[in-house]
């Protein structure tokens, strides 16, 4: 079961990364933060952890993006 989840996570991340070419920096950072948060949440807390982790990761990606923009880095 762990191997299946790991494989699905890797495939999902690869699919998400390939679809990021036309996205803004904000969207890319929120997507990557959400994906990392969901993966971590899934490993730690199961399906509910994945939902919470995805939300927290997306919010973290947004905050990071705003910080980068305020520092003059895009």
Protein backbone atom coordinates (compact mmCIF):
# COMPACT_ATOMS: atom_id res chain seq x y z
CA UNK A 1 0.00 0.00 0.00
CA UNK A 2 2.83 2.42 0.84
CA UNK A 3 4.46 1.74 -2.54
CA UNK A 4 1.20 2.47 -4.31
CA UNK A 5 0.78 5.76 -2.46
CA UNK A 6 4.37 6.75 -3.17
CA UNK A 7 3.98 5.95 -6.85
CA UNK A 8 0.72 7.89 -7.09
CA UNK A 9 2.30 10.85 -5.32
CA UNK A 10 5.27 10.88 -7.69
CA UNK A 11 3.02 10.65 -10.75
CA UNK A 12 0.79 13.43 -9.43
CA UNK A 13 3.77 15.70 -8.80
CA UNK A 14 5.15 15.04 -12.28
CA UNK A 15 1.77 15.78 -13.86
CA UNK A 16 1.43 18.97 -11.82
CA UNK A 17 4.92 20.11 -12.71
CA UNK A 18 4.34 19.61 -16.42
CA UNK A 19 1.18 21.72 -16.30
CA UNK A 20 2.87 24.72 -14.68
CA UNK A 21 4.35 26.27 -17.81
CA UNK A 22 1.53 28.76 -18.41
CA UNK A 23 0.91 29.62 -14.77
CA UNK A 24 1.90 32.76 -12.90
CA UNK A 25 4.52 32.59 -10.14
CA UNK A 26 1.77 32.88 -7.52
CA UNK A 27 -0.15 29.93 -8.94
CA UNK A 28 3.00 27.83 -9.27
CA UNK A 29 4.03 28.50 -5.67
CA UNK A 30 0.55 27.78 -4.33
CA UNK A 31 0.32 24.55 -6.34
CA UNK A 32 3.71 23.29 -5.26
CA UNK A 33 3.06 24.24 -1.64
CA UNK A 34 -0.31 22.51 -1.72
CA UNK A 35 1.14 19.37 -3.28
CA UNK A 36 3.96 19.15 -0.77
CA UNK A 37 1.57 19.82 2.11
CA UNK A 38 -0.91 17.21 0.90
CA UNK A 39 1.81 14.59 0.48
CA UNK A 40 3.22 15.25 3.91
CA UNK A 41 -0.24 15.33 5.47
CA UNK A 42 -1.11 12.03 3.83
CA UNK A 43 1.97 10.35 5.25
CA UNK A 44 1.41 11.75 8.74
CA UNK A 45 -2.35 11.85 9.15
CA UNK A 46 -4.02 9.92 6.36
CA UNK A 47 -6.74 11.41 4.14
CA UNK A 48 -7.76 14.12 6.60
CA UNK A 49 -4.12 15.10 7.04
CA UNK A 50 -3.79 15.37 3.25
CA UNK A 51 -6.70 17.80 3.09
CA UNK A 52 -5.39 19.93 5.93
CA UNK A 53 -1.80 19.73 4.67
CA UNK A 54 -2.85 20.75 1.17
CA UNK A 55 -4.66 23.82 2.48
CA UNK A 56 -1.81 24.83 4.74
CA UNK A 57 0.74 24.24 1.97
CA UNK A 58 -1.22 26.34 -0.53
CA UNK A 59 -1.54 29.15 2.00
CA UNK A 60 2.18 28.90 2.71
CA UNK A 61 2.93 29.11 -1.00
CA UNK A 62 0.83 32.26 -1.26
CA UNK A 63 2.53 33.89 1.73
CA UNK A 64 5.96 33.00 0.31
CA UNK A 65 4.97 34.49 -3.04
CA UNK A 66 3.86 37.74 -1.42
CA UNK A 67 7.12 37.91 0.52
CA UNK A 68 9.15 37.42 -2.66
CA UNK A 69 7.18 40.15 -4.43
CA UNK A 70 7.60 42.59 -1.55
CA UNK A 71 11.37 41.95 -1.63
CA UNK A 72 11.44 42.78 -5.34
CA UNK A 73 12.04 39.21 -6.48
CA UNK A 74 9.48 37.61 -8.73
